[in-house]
Amino acid sequence: MSKISVIDSIMGSGKTSWAIEYMNENKIDKQFIYVTPFLDEVERVRHALPHMHEPNEKKGGKLRHFKQLLASGVDIVTTHALFSRFDTDIYEMLAQSGYTLILDEVFNVIEQLNISNSDIKNLIETGTMKIENHKVIWLDNQYDGAFNELKDLAEQGNAYSHNGNIIFWTFPASMFQVFEEVYVLTYLFNGQIQRYYYDYHGVQYDFKAVERQGNSFVLVDYDKSKENRQQYADLINIYEGNGGKTDLNVNYLPELKPLKNQNELSSTWFKFAGEEVIARLKKNIYTYFRNVAKAKANDIMWTTIKSKQDALKGKGYTKGFVSLTMRATNKYSHTHNLAYVYNKYMNPYERQFFTSAGVTVDDELLAVSDLIQWIWRSGIRNNPAETINIYIPSKRMRDLLKQWIKGEI
């Protein structure tokens, strides 16, 4: 069984640098697969380690070429997208090979399938499948129809049900067990879905951190108190408003009501927000960047829920949009004026999926984890860290950021 170590250190602390050093120092004795979210990070690793191989689409498809590289025993660097497609053939090859996996950032390990409650009920009533201990068991080996994808997932052991009416795909947890070693490079892992997934499947892991010692990066025992978060109190200028009619934190709410209900700007809230509210928010973003931060267009980073991006984009900041889920890239480190127009909550069905199995979920830590990851795409990730300005109209998200800075969360 693999030893899984979560390298839980703040962005910019040297996790990738440690990984590159580790792979270089052990390139003779170990075999590595390095997995990162973006192609530009693949190129960064290949530039630092020329012996690493990248699967090529022109070699019969990336997955097929990956298998060829795996069979030849070389070191491989690839993306989360390809990693999520690993199949039973790769599982069997890895089980025989003794590779070390380095996973740069957590990735999408669970996804709700688009199958209706009535279809699930029909598949059970006709004896096509059954649900046993949350797991979907496929019974009809001769089936060939509209639910072939579900059949394949169930036969691979990767389909799970919640309450008998929602089905999730989960990345095969057994894939993490066939490596000699596994390192997950991330931050605030305890608040992330991959941690809940590990706990759901009974996957064991420990915590480490990375620390610079001289010119090298080494792994040390995890200790939150060593993060020195208080240093960021003077580097993150959070817009606080003035409590009046021009306060950008409250003026988008009907009748300037106090933020007693802290669900404002959540996905559900956005779903029912009227045109006037959205128009007010759009004006707020413009006002913040233009009049408060006095920011130039090339020094802006902003985000919101994807479905409202077009409705909220505006003059002078449209091109500065960066996805809520952006991680593991230095591409936006030149920006210093930010707007985070969202209030993060875990998908309720995913939450229930985990909690119904006895897994503890921390909505607050999940929210601040995503917020911090997003903020650290900006100039604050540079060395030395640079001052940033940020507009966060959700009181809940502002409070979580302040609690994180104080070490309270």
Protein backbone atom coordinates (compact mmCIF):
# COMPACT_ATOMS: atom_id res chain seq x y z
CA MET A 1 0.00 0.00 0.00
CA SER A 2 1.29 3.43 -0.94
CA LYS A 3 2.49 5.93 1.58
CA ILE A 4 0.53 9.13 0.86
CA SER A 5 1.98 12.41 2.11
CA VAL A 6 0.08 15.67 1.79
CA ILE A 7 2.57 18.54 1.44
CA ASP A 8 0.39 21.23 2.99
CA SER A 9 2.21 24.53 2.54
CA ILE A 10 1.07 27.97 1.47
CA MET A 11 1.35 28.92 -2.18
CA GLY A 12 4.77 30.21 -3.15
CA SER A 13 6.52 28.37 -0.31
CA GLY A 14 8.44 26.13 -2.70
CA LYS A 15 6.37 22.95 -3.13
CA THR A 16 7.06 22.70 -6.87
CA SER A 17 10.72 23.59 -6.33
CA TRP A 18 10.98 20.78 -3.76
CA ALA A 19 9.34 18.35 -6.20
CA ILE A 20 11.74 19.27 -9.00
CA GLU A 21 14.74 18.88 -6.67
CA TYR A 22 13.41 15.55 -5.38
CA MET A 23 12.85 14.15 -8.87
CA ASN A 24 16.26 15.34 -10.04
CA GLU A 25 18.10 13.91 -7.03
CA ASN A 26 16.35 10.53 -7.36
CA LYS A 27 16.11 10.17 -11.15
CA ILE A 28 18.41 7.13 -11.10
CA ASP A 29 16.77 5.24 -8.23
CA LYS A 30 13.08 6.13 -8.66
CA GLN A 31 10.47 6.45 -11.41
CA PHE A 32 8.18 9.47 -11.33
CA ILE A 33 4.82 10.57 -12.66
CA TYR A 34 4.26 14.30 -12.07
CA VAL A 35 0.68 15.56 -12.57
CA THR A 36 -0.16 19.27 -12.77
CA PRO A 37 -3.29 21.23 -13.79
CA PHE A 38 -1.88 23.20 -16.73
CA LEU A 39 0.22 22.67 -19.83
CA ASP A 40 2.44 25.66 -19.01
CA GLU A 41 3.38 23.96 -15.75
CA VAL A 42 4.12 20.77 -17.72
CA GLU A 43 6.55 22.82 -19.78
CA ARG A 44 8.09 24.34 -16.64
CA VAL A 45 8.85 20.88 -15.27
CA ARG A 46 10.17 19.61 -18.61
CA HIS A 47 12.45 22.63 -18.90
CA ALA A 48 13.84 21.96 -15.41
CA LEU A 49 14.03 18.19 -15.94
CA PRO A 50 14.75 17.38 -19.61
CA HIS A 51 14.56 13.63 -18.90
CA MET A 52 10.81 13.90 -18.20
CA HIS A 53 8.49 12.76 -21.02
CA GLU A 54 5.12 14.28 -21.93
CA PRO A 55 2.37 12.19 -23.60
CA ASN A 56 1.85 13.37 -27.17
CA GLU A 57 -1.53 13.54 -28.93
CA LYS A 58 0.19 12.73 -32.24
CA LYS A 59 1.35 9.35 -30.92
CA GLY A 60 -2.08 7.77 -31.29
CA GLY A 61 -3.67 9.89 -28.57
CA LYS A 62 -2.29 11.02 -25.21
CA LEU A 63 -3.71 8.12 -23.21
CA ARG A 64 -2.30 5.53 -25.59
CA HIS A 65 1.08 7.28 -25.65
CA PHE A 66 1.05 7.50 -21.84
CA LYS A 67 0.72 3.71 -21.71
CA GLN A 68 3.66 3.36 -24.09
CA LEU A 69 5.77 5.66 -21.92
CA LEU A 70 4.69 3.74 -18.82
CA ALA A 71 5.67 0.43 -20.42
CA SER A 72 9.12 1.84 -21.21
CA GLY A 73 9.65 2.87 -17.56
CA VAL A 74 10.51 6.54 -18.19
CA ASP A 75 9.64 9.53 -16.00
CA ILE A 76 6.41 11.21 -17.11
CA VAL A 77 4.84 14.65 -16.64
CA THR A 78 1.20 15.17 -17.58
CA THR A 79 -2.00 17.03 -16.70
CA HIS A 80 -4.91 16.50 -14.32
CA ALA A 81 -7.15 16.02 -17.36
CA LEU A 82 -5.22 12.94 -18.52
CA PHE A 83 -4.80 11.62 -14.97
CA SER A 84 -8.58 11.59 -14.52
CA ARG A 85 -8.83 9.23 -17.53
CA PHE A 86 -6.54 6.54 -16.10
CA ASP A 87 -8.17 3.14 -16.71
CA THR A 88 -7.79 -0.46 -15.57
CA ASP A 89 -4.97 -1.07 -18.05
CA ILE A 90 -2.93 1.73 -16.47
CA TYR A 91 -3.85 0.48 -12.99
CA GLU A 92 -2.46 -2.98 -13.81
CA MET A 93 0.70 -1.50 -15.36
CA LEU A 94 1.30 0.75 -12.34
CA ALA A 95 0.79 -2.16 -9.96
CA GLN A 96 3.83 -3.82 -11.54
CA SER A 97 6.06 -0.75 -11.91
CA GLY A 98 6.83 0.98 -8.57
CA TYR A 99 6.28 4.57 -9.73
CA THR A 100 6.13 7.57 -7.39
CA LEU A 101 3.23 9.97 -7.99
CA ILE A 102 3.57 13.70 -7.35
CA LEU A 103 0.18 15.37 -7.70
CA ASP A 104 0.46 19.15 -7.99
CA GLU A 105 -2.78 20.39 -6.42
CA VAL A 106 -5.94 18.44 -5.67
CA PHE A 107 -8.12 17.60 -8.63
CA ASN A 108 -11.72 16.71 -9.47
CA VAL A 109 -12.31 13.36 -7.75
CA ILE A 110 -16.13 13.36 -7.74
CA GLU A 111 -18.77 14.36 -10.26
CA GLN A 112 -22.56 14.06 -10.28
CA LEU A 113 -23.84 12.08 -13.27
CA ASN A 114 -26.75 13.42 -15.31
CA ILE A 115 -29.16 10.55 -14.66
CA SER A 116 -32.71 11.25 -13.53
CA ASN A 117 -34.36 9.76 -10.47
CA SER A 118 -36.93 7.97 -12.67
CA ASP A 119 -34.18 6.40 -14.79
CA ILE A 120 -32.39 5.16 -11.66
CA LYS A 121 -35.64 3.72 -10.34
CA ASN A 122 -36.33 1.99 -13.67
CA LEU A 123 -32.83 0.48 -13.86
CA ILE A 124 -33.30 -0.98 -10.37
CA GLU A 125 -36.86 -2.26 -10.95
CA THR A 126 -35.85 -4.02 -14.18
CA GLY A 127 -32.97 -5.76 -12.44
CA THR A 128 -30.36 -3.95 -14.55
CA MET A 129 -28.51 -2.72 -11.48
CA LYS A 130 -28.76 -2.48 -7.73
CA ILE A 131 -27.41 -0.23 -4.99
CA GLU A 132 -25.55 -1.85 -2.13
CA ASN A 133 -23.84 0.13 0.62
CA HIS A 134 -24.02 3.26 -1.57
CA LYS A 135 -22.25 1.44 -4.41
CA VAL A 136 -23.88 0.89 -7.81
CA ILE A 137 -23.68 -2.80 -8.77
CA TRP A 138 -24.39 -3.59 -12.44
CA LEU A 139 -26.34 -6.83 -12.86
CA ASP A 140 -27.11 -7.10 -16.59
CA ASN A 141 -23.87 -8.08 -18.32
CA GLN A 142 -25.63 -8.15 -21.70
CA TYR A 143 -26.91 -4.58 -21.43
CA ASP A 144 -26.20 -2.27 -24.38
CA GLY A 145 -28.05 1.02 -24.40
CA ALA A 146 -28.29 4.63 -23.25
CA PHE A 147 -26.62 3.92 -19.89
CA ASN A 148 -23.47 2.22 -21.17
CA GLU A 149 -21.33 4.87 -19.48
CA LEU A 150 -22.93 4.13 -16.11
CA LYS A 151 -22.49 0.40 -16.77
CA ASP A 152 -18.76 0.91 -17.43
CA LEU A 153 -18.31 3.05 -14.30
CA ALA A 154 -20.21 0.57 -12.15
CA GLU A 155 -18.21 -2.39 -13.47
CA GLN A 156 -15.01 -0.49 -12.68
CA GLY A 157 -16.30 0.16 -9.15
CA ASN A 158 -16.46 3.94 -9.59
CA ALA A 159 -20.22 4.65 -9.38
CA TYR A 160 -21.82 5.53 -6.04
CA SER A 161 -25.34 6.55 -5.07
CA HIS A 162 -26.66 9.06 -2.58
CA ASN A 163 -30.14 8.40 -1.16
CA GLY A 164 -30.82 6.07 -4.08
CA ASN A 165 -31.69 8.93 -6.42
CA ILE A 166 -28.38 10.64 -7.26
CA ILE A 167 -25.36 8.89 -8.74
CA PHE A 168 -21.78 10.13 -8.54
CA TRP A 169 -18.66 9.12 -10.39
CA THR A 170 -15.62 9.06 -8.16
CA PHE A 171 -12.04 8.68 -9.29
CA PRO A 172 -10.91 5.13 -8.41
CA ALA A 173 -9.37 5.40 -4.94
CA SER A 174 -7.41 2.21 -5.63
CA MET A 175 -5.35 4.17 -8.18
CA PHE A 176 -3.60 5.96 -5.33
CA GLN A 177 -2.63 2.63 -3.77
CA VAL A 178 -0.57 1.22 -6.66
CA PHE A 179 2.21 3.80 -6.46
CA GLU A 180 5.35 3.29 -4.40
CA GLU A 181 4.87 6.76 -2.92
CA VAL A 182 2.30 9.54 -3.38
CA TYR A 183 2.86 13.24 -2.69
CA VAL A 184 -0.04 15.71 -2.92
CA LEU A 185 1.13 19.33 -3.16
CA THR A 186 -1.58 21.69 -1.91
CA TYR A 187 -2.70 24.03 0.89
CA LEU A 188 -5.44 23.74 3.53
CA PHE A 189 -6.06 20.13 2.52
CA ASN A 190 -8.41 19.55 5.47
CA GLY A 191 -10.99 21.78 3.78
CA GLN A 192 -10.80 20.23 0.32
CA ILE A 193 -13.02 17.69 -1.40
CA GLN A 194 -10.11 15.34 -2.11
CA ARG A 195 -9.63 14.99 1.66
CA TYR A 196 -13.30 14.07 2.11
CA TYR A 197 -12.93 11.58 -0.75
CA TYR A 198 -9.89 10.02 0.92
CA ASP A 199 -11.80 9.73 4.20
CA TYR A 200 -14.85 8.27 2.41
CA HIS A 201 -12.72 5.53 0.85
CA GLY A 202 -10.58 4.97 3.96
CA VAL A 203 -7.40 6.17 2.26
CA GLN A 204 -4.66 6.88 4.82
CA TYR A 205 -2.41 9.94 4.54
CA ASP A 206 -0.09 12.06 6.65
CA PHE A 207 0.89 15.72 6.60
CA LYS A 208 4.19 17.35 5.78
CA ALA A 209 5.27 20.88 4.89
CA VAL A 210 8.05 22.26 2.72
CA GLU A 211 10.73 24.57 4.09
CA ARG A 212 13.65 26.35 2.51
CA GLN A 213 16.99 25.52 4.08
CA GLY A 214 19.87 27.36 2.43
CA ASN A 215 19.57 26.85 -1.31
CA SER A 216 17.43 23.74 -1.03
CA PHE A 217 13.84 22.82 -0.16
CA VAL A 218 13.18 20.04 2.34
CA LEU A 219 10.15 18.33 3.87
CA VAL A 220 9.47 19.03 7.55
CA ASP A 221 6.70 18.19 10.02
CA TYR A 222 3.50 20.12 9.40
CA ASP A 223 3.01 23.02 11.84
CA LYS A 224 0.37 25.64 11.09
CA SER A 225 1.92 28.10 13.56
CA LYS A 226 5.00 28.42 11.36
CA GLU A 227 3.04 29.97 8.49
CA ASN A 228 3.27 33.47 10.00
CA ARG A 229 -0.06 34.47 8.47
CA GLN A 230 -0.13 37.75 10.38
CA GLN A 231 2.42 39.14 7.93
CA TYR A 232 -0.37 39.30 5.36
CA ALA A 233 -2.52 41.62 7.48
CA ASP A 234 -0.59 44.61 6.14
CA LEU A 235 -0.33 43.22 2.60
CA ILE A 236 -4.02 42.50 1.92
CA ASN A 237 -6.07 45.71 1.83
CA ILE A 238 -9.68 44.56 2.19
CA TYR A 239 -12.36 47.06 1.14
CA GLU A 240 -14.49 47.66 4.24
CA GLY A 241 -16.99 50.26 3.00
CA ASN A 242 -18.59 52.99 5.04
CA GLY A 243 -21.96 51.51 5.99
CA GLY A 244 -23.90 54.09 3.98
CA LYS A 245 -25.74 54.19 0.66
CA THR A 246 -22.48 54.22 -1.26
CA ASP A 247 -21.08 51.19 0.58
CA LEU A 248 -20.19 48.67 -2.14
CA ASN A 249 -20.51 45.83 0.37
CA VAL A 250 -24.22 46.36 1.03
CA ASN A 251 -25.75 48.70 -1.56
CA TYR A 252 -26.61 45.83 -3.94
CA LEU A 253 -28.93 44.33 -1.33
CA PRO A 254 -32.63 45.27 -1.24
CA GLU A 255 -33.28 48.22 1.10
CA LEU A 256 -29.66 48.12 2.29
CA LYS A 257 -30.58 45.33 4.72
CA PRO A 258 -27.82 44.20 7.11
CA LEU A 259 -26.05 40.98 6.23
CA LYS A 260 -27.92 38.90 8.78
CA ASN A 261 -28.47 36.13 6.24
CA GLN A 262 -24.97 35.32 5.11
CA ASN A 263 -26.00 33.48 1.93
CA GLU A 264 -25.71 36.57 -0.27
CA LEU A 265 -23.69 35.90 -3.44
CA SER A 266 -23.92 32.11 -3.10
CA SER A 267 -24.80 30.04 -6.18
CA THR A 268 -28.44 29.78 -5.07
CA TRP A 269 -28.63 33.51 -4.34
CA PHE A 270 -27.27 34.34 -7.81
CA LYS A 271 -29.86 32.04 -9.37
CA PHE A 272 -32.68 34.22 -8.08
CA ALA A 273 -30.98 37.63 -8.09
CA GLY A 274 -32.91 40.18 -10.15
CA GLU A 275 -31.55 42.30 -13.01
CA GLU A 276 -31.36 45.42 -10.82
CA VAL A 277 -29.22 43.61 -8.25
CA ILE A 278 -26.86 42.28 -10.91
CA ALA A 279 -26.64 45.72 -12.51
CA ARG A 280 -25.77 47.22 -9.12
CA LEU A 281 -23.05 44.64 -8.56
CA LYS A 282 -21.61 45.35 -12.00
CA LYS A 283 -21.51 49.06 -11.21
CA ASN A 284 -19.86 48.26 -7.86
CA ILE A 285 -17.06 46.31 -9.50
CA TYR A 286 -16.44 49.17 -11.93
CA THR A 287 -16.56 51.75 -9.11
CA TYR A 288 -14.15 49.75 -6.98
CA PHE A 289 -11.54 49.34 -9.69
CA ARG A 290 -11.95 52.85 -11.14
CA ASN A 291 -12.54 55.06 -8.09
CA VAL A 292 -11.42 53.11 -5.01
CA ALA A 293 -8.40 51.11 -6.18
CA LYS A 294 -7.66 53.43 -9.14
CA ALA A 295 -6.46 50.36 -10.98
CA LYS A 296 -5.17 50.05 -14.53
CA ALA A 297 -6.75 47.39 -16.74
CA ASN A 298 -3.61 45.24 -16.85
CA ASP A 299 -3.37 45.22 -13.04
CA ILE A 300 -6.80 43.70 -12.37
CA MET A 301 -8.01 40.21 -11.46
CA TRP A 302 -11.67 39.49 -10.73
CA THR A 303 -14.03 36.54 -10.50
CA THR A 304 -17.57 35.40 -9.93
CA ILE A 305 -19.70 32.36 -10.64
CA LYS A 306 -19.22 31.38 -14.30
CA SER A 307 -22.90 31.80 -15.22
CA LYS A 308 -22.75 35.50 -14.22
CA GLN A 309 -19.41 36.39 -15.83
CA ASP A 310 -20.97 38.01 -18.89
CA ALA A 311 -23.60 39.86 -16.85
CA LEU A 312 -20.98 41.33 -14.50
CA LYS A 313 -18.13 42.10 -16.90
CA GLY A 314 -17.56 45.78 -17.63
CA LYS A 315 -15.38 48.49 -19.06
CA GLY A 316 -11.78 48.42 -17.93
CA TYR A 317 -11.84 45.04 -16.15
CA THR A 318 -13.50 42.44 -18.43
CA LYS A 319 -10.21 40.87 -19.56
CA GLY A 320 -9.06 40.44 -15.96
CA PHE A 321 -11.48 37.59 -15.29
CA VAL A 322 -9.85 34.56 -13.65
CA SER A 323 -11.86 31.43 -12.86
CA LEU A 324 -12.89 30.77 -9.26
CA THR A 325 -11.14 27.40 -9.41
CA MET A 326 -7.80 28.66 -10.75
CA ARG A 327 -4.81 27.05 -9.05
CA ALA A 328 -1.13 26.24 -9.56
CA THR A 329 -0.18 29.01 -11.99
CA ASN A 330 1.97 32.15 -11.85
CA LYS A 331 0.25 33.63 -14.90
CA TYR A 332 -1.51 36.41 -12.96
CA SER A 333 1.21 37.34 -10.47
CA HIS A 334 1.49 40.81 -12.05
CA THR A 335 -1.96 41.82 -10.71
CA HIS A 336 -2.59 43.75 -7.49
CA ASN A 337 -6.26 44.85 -7.62
CA LEU A 338 -8.79 42.09 -7.07
CA ALA A 339 -12.53 41.52 -6.80
CA TYR A 340 -13.95 38.23 -5.50
CA VAL A 341 -17.72 38.41 -6.09
CA TYR A 342 -18.89 35.06 -4.77
CA ASN A 343 -19.84 33.26 -1.56
CA LYS A 344 -18.54 29.68 -1.68
CA TYR A 345 -20.53 26.74 -0.34
CA MET A 346 -20.04 23.07 -1.04
CA ASN A 347 -22.48 21.51 -3.50
CA PRO A 348 -25.26 20.29 -1.16
CA TYR A 349 -25.56 16.89 -2.84
CA GLU A 350 -21.82 16.31 -2.60
CA ARG A 351 -21.93 17.43 1.02
CA GLN A 352 -24.72 14.97 1.82
CA PHE A 353 -22.90 12.23 -0.09
CA PHE A 354 -19.95 12.52 2.28
CA THR A 355 -21.77 13.31 5.54
CA SER A 356 -24.21 10.41 5.09
CA ALA A 357 -21.16 8.13 5.18
CA GLY A 358 -19.92 9.71 8.41
CA VAL A 359 -17.30 12.00 6.81
CA THR A 360 -16.97 15.38 8.55
CA VAL A 361 -17.20 18.32 6.15
CA ASP A 362 -16.02 21.83 7.00
CA ASP A 363 -17.84 24.36 4.78
CA GLU A 364 -15.91 27.29 6.24
CA LEU A 365 -12.50 25.76 5.63
CA LEU A 366 -13.53 24.72 2.12
CA ALA A 367 -14.62 28.29 1.34
CA VAL A 368 -11.50 29.99 2.69
CA SER A 369 -9.30 27.37 1.00
CA ASP A 370 -10.72 28.26 -2.41
CA LEU A 371 -10.56 31.99 -1.64
CA ILE A 372 -6.90 31.85 -0.56
CA GLN A 373 -5.94 29.76 -3.58
CA TRP A 374 -7.55 32.34 -5.86
CA ILE A 375 -6.01 35.36 -4.10
CA TRP A 376 -2.57 33.75 -4.35
CA ARG A 377 -2.66 33.89 -8.14
CA SER A 378 -1.94 37.64 -7.73
CA GLY A 379 1.16 39.64 -6.79
CA ILE A 380 1.00 38.49 -3.16
CA ARG A 381 2.56 35.18 -4.30
CA ASN A 382 5.74 36.92 -5.47
CA ASN A 383 8.98 36.89 -3.51
CA PRO A 384 8.90 39.20 -1.68
CA ALA A 385 5.10 39.28 -1.39
CA GLU A 386 3.52 42.41 -2.87
CA THR A 387 0.63 44.44 -1.47
CA ILE A 388 -2.80 43.79 -3.00
CA ASN A 389 -6.22 45.45 -2.79
CA ILE A 390 -9.38 43.34 -2.78
CA TYR A 391 -13.14 43.86 -2.93
CA ILE A 392 -15.14 41.01 -1.34
CA PRO A 393 -18.82 42.03 -1.08
CA SER A 394 -19.76 38.85 0.83
CA LYS A 395 -19.45 39.49 4.57
CA ARG A 396 -19.01 35.78 5.22
CA MET A 397 -16.06 35.54 2.84
CA ARG A 398 -14.47 38.72 4.23
CA ASP A 399 -14.77 37.38 7.77
CA LEU A 400 -13.29 34.01 6.76
CA LEU A 401 -10.29 35.74 5.19
CA LYS A 402 -9.72 37.76 8.36
CA GLN A 403 -10.05 34.64 10.52
CA TRP A 404 -7.49 32.87 8.32
CA ILE A 405 -5.04 35.76 8.69
CA LYS A 406 -5.41 35.60 12.47
CA GLY A 407 -4.88 31.83 12.47
CA GLU A 408 -8.40 31.21 13.82
CA ILE A 409 -9.33 28.87 10.99
